Protein backbone atom coordinates (compact mmCIF):
# COMPACT_ATOMS: atom_id res chain seq x y z
CA MET A 1 0.00 0.00 0.00
CA GLU A 2 1.42 3.32 -1.06
CA SER A 3 1.43 6.20 1.39
CA LYS A 4 -0.20 9.52 0.58
CA ARG A 5 3.25 11.02 0.17
CA GLN A 6 4.22 8.39 -2.42
CA GLN A 7 0.94 8.84 -4.29
CA LYS A 8 1.29 12.62 -4.35
CA PHE A 9 4.89 12.47 -5.55
CA ALA A 10 3.97 9.86 -8.18
CA GLY A 11 1.25 12.22 -9.45
CA VAL A 12 3.74 15.07 -9.78
CA ILE A 13 6.19 12.85 -11.65
CA GLN A 14 3.43 11.56 -13.94
CA GLU A 15 2.30 15.09 -14.85
CA GLU A 16 5.81 16.34 -15.51
CA LEU A 17 6.85 13.28 -17.53
CA ALA A 18 3.68 13.60 -19.60
CA ALA A 19 4.64 17.20 -20.41
CA ILE A 20 8.19 16.14 -21.29
CA PHE A 21 6.98 13.36 -23.62
CA GLN A 22 4.39 15.65 -25.17
CA ARG A 23 6.95 18.32 -26.04
CA GLU A 24 10.06 16.25 -26.70
CA GLY A 25 8.82 12.68 -27.18
CA SER A 26 9.43 12.77 -30.91
CA ALA A 27 13.17 12.96 -30.21
CA TYR A 28 13.04 9.53 -28.57
CA LEU A 29 10.32 7.88 -30.65
CA PRO A 30 9.39 9.65 -33.89
CA ASN A 31 5.73 9.41 -34.98
CA THR A 32 4.77 7.61 -31.75
CA LEU A 33 2.45 8.88 -29.06
CA VAL A 34 3.63 7.95 -25.57
CA THR A 35 1.22 7.96 -22.63
CA ILE A 36 2.32 7.70 -19.00
CA THR A 37 -0.37 5.43 -17.55
CA LYS A 38 0.96 4.88 -14.04
CA VAL A 39 3.88 5.81 -11.80
CA ARG A 40 4.90 3.83 -8.72
CA VAL A 41 7.41 5.37 -6.31
CA SER A 42 9.48 3.54 -3.70
CA PRO A 43 8.92 4.46 -0.01
CA ASP A 44 12.15 6.49 0.07
CA LEU A 45 11.09 8.30 -3.15
CA ALA A 46 14.41 7.37 -4.81
CA VAL A 47 13.10 4.98 -7.46
CA ALA A 48 10.16 5.49 -9.80
CA LYS A 49 8.66 2.79 -12.00
CA VAL A 50 6.95 4.44 -14.94
CA TYR A 51 4.41 2.49 -17.00
CA LEU A 52 4.01 3.54 -20.62
CA SER A 53 1.44 2.96 -23.33
CA PHE A 54 2.24 3.52 -27.01
CA LEU A 55 0.21 4.49 -30.05
CA ASN A 56 1.49 4.12 -33.65
CA THR A 57 4.26 1.66 -32.90
CA ASN A 58 4.80 -1.82 -34.25
CA ASN A 59 7.20 -3.09 -31.60
CA THR A 60 6.35 -1.97 -28.07
CA THR A 61 9.26 -3.87 -26.53
CA LEU A 62 11.71 -2.00 -28.73
CA SER A 63 9.97 1.29 -27.87
CA VAL A 64 10.33 0.67 -24.13
CA ALA A 65 14.01 -0.23 -24.63
CA GLU A 66 14.54 2.99 -26.58
CA VAL A 67 12.94 5.10 -23.83
CA ASN A 68 14.99 3.26 -21.17
CA SER A 69 18.17 4.04 -23.11
CA HIS A 70 17.32 7.75 -22.74
CA SER A 71 16.28 7.46 -19.06
CA SER A 72 19.20 9.52 -17.73
CA GLU A 73 18.40 12.37 -20.15
CA ILE A 74 14.69 12.19 -19.23
CA ARG A 75 15.62 12.15 -15.53
CA TYR A 76 17.72 15.29 -16.04
CA LYS A 77 14.81 17.06 -17.72
CA LEU A 78 12.48 15.90 -14.95
CA GLY A 79 14.93 17.22 -12.35
CA ALA A 80 14.97 20.63 -14.01
CA ARG A 81 11.17 20.75 -13.76
CA ILE A 82 10.68 19.48 -10.17
CA ARG A 83 13.88 20.67 -8.49
CA HIS A 84 11.96 22.97 -6.13
CA GLN A 85 9.46 20.26 -5.19
CA ALA A 86 11.79 17.35 -4.45
CA ARG A 87 15.07 16.83 -2.64
CA VAL A 88 16.02 13.73 -4.62
CA ILE A 89 15.16 13.16 -8.27
CA PRO A 90 14.18 9.50 -8.53
CA THR A 91 15.88 6.99 -10.78
CA LEU A 92 13.47 6.22 -13.61
CA THR A 93 12.73 2.76 -14.95
CA PHE A 94 10.23 2.41 -17.77
CA PHE A 95 7.91 -0.54 -18.30
CA LEU A 96 5.23 -1.44 -20.81
CA ASP A 97 1.68 -1.08 -19.55
CA ASP A 98 -0.15 -3.88 -21.33
CA THR A 99 -3.54 -3.17 -19.76
CA ASN A 100 -5.07 -2.18 -23.12
CA GLU A 101 -3.86 -5.38 -24.75
CA TYR A 102 -5.29 -7.39 -21.86
CA VAL A 103 -8.66 -5.61 -22.15
CA GLU A 104 -8.76 -6.27 -25.90
CA HIS A 105 -7.93 -9.93 -25.31
CA MET A 106 -10.70 -10.26 -22.71
CA ASP A 107 -13.18 -8.51 -25.05
CA LYS A 108 -12.39 -11.05 -27.78
CA ILE A 109 -12.95 -13.91 -25.33
CA PHE A 110 -16.30 -12.48 -24.19
CA ASP A 111 -17.39 -11.93 -27.81
CA LYS A 112 -16.54 -15.54 -28.62
CA ILE A 113 -18.49 -16.77 -25.59
CA SER A 114 -21.55 -14.71 -26.55
CA ARG A 115 -21.39 -15.98 -30.17
CA ASP A 116 -21.12 -19.57 -28.94
CA ARG A 117 -24.15 -19.04 -26.68
CA LYS A 118 -26.20 -17.61 -29.53
CA GLU A 119 -25.33 -20.56 -31.73
CA THR A 120 -26.30 -23.10 -29.05
CA ASP A 121 -29.55 -21.18 -28.34
CA GLU A 122 -30.44 -21.20 -32.05
CA GLU A 123 -29.72 -24.92 -32.29
CA ALA A 124 -31.89 -25.63 -29.25
CA ASP A 125 -34.90 -23.83 -30.81
């Protein structure tokens, strides 16, 4: 369970990273829209796990690796933006947020179940 302090700091980081990716995201991933879906911060506020979602990319794993390769540069830019709000700028680690893919997969399963039910109902009549 995250403390209020962690949640508040994670919100600040999420907002600032979103602004950074909105303005300068094309430098890291051209023609790709990056969304920060979730940020988890360690209790000592020194490590932040950032979950990303991508639009217009074929290989999400490669996209996450590319963003991770620029993590020190992104951390520097984040530090410039939140230097008056935080004593320590957290180390950033980026991960793929596959929630959308999971939701799509579950939707397909539910659609298949409903089609199968309709077919068995029609056969029973």
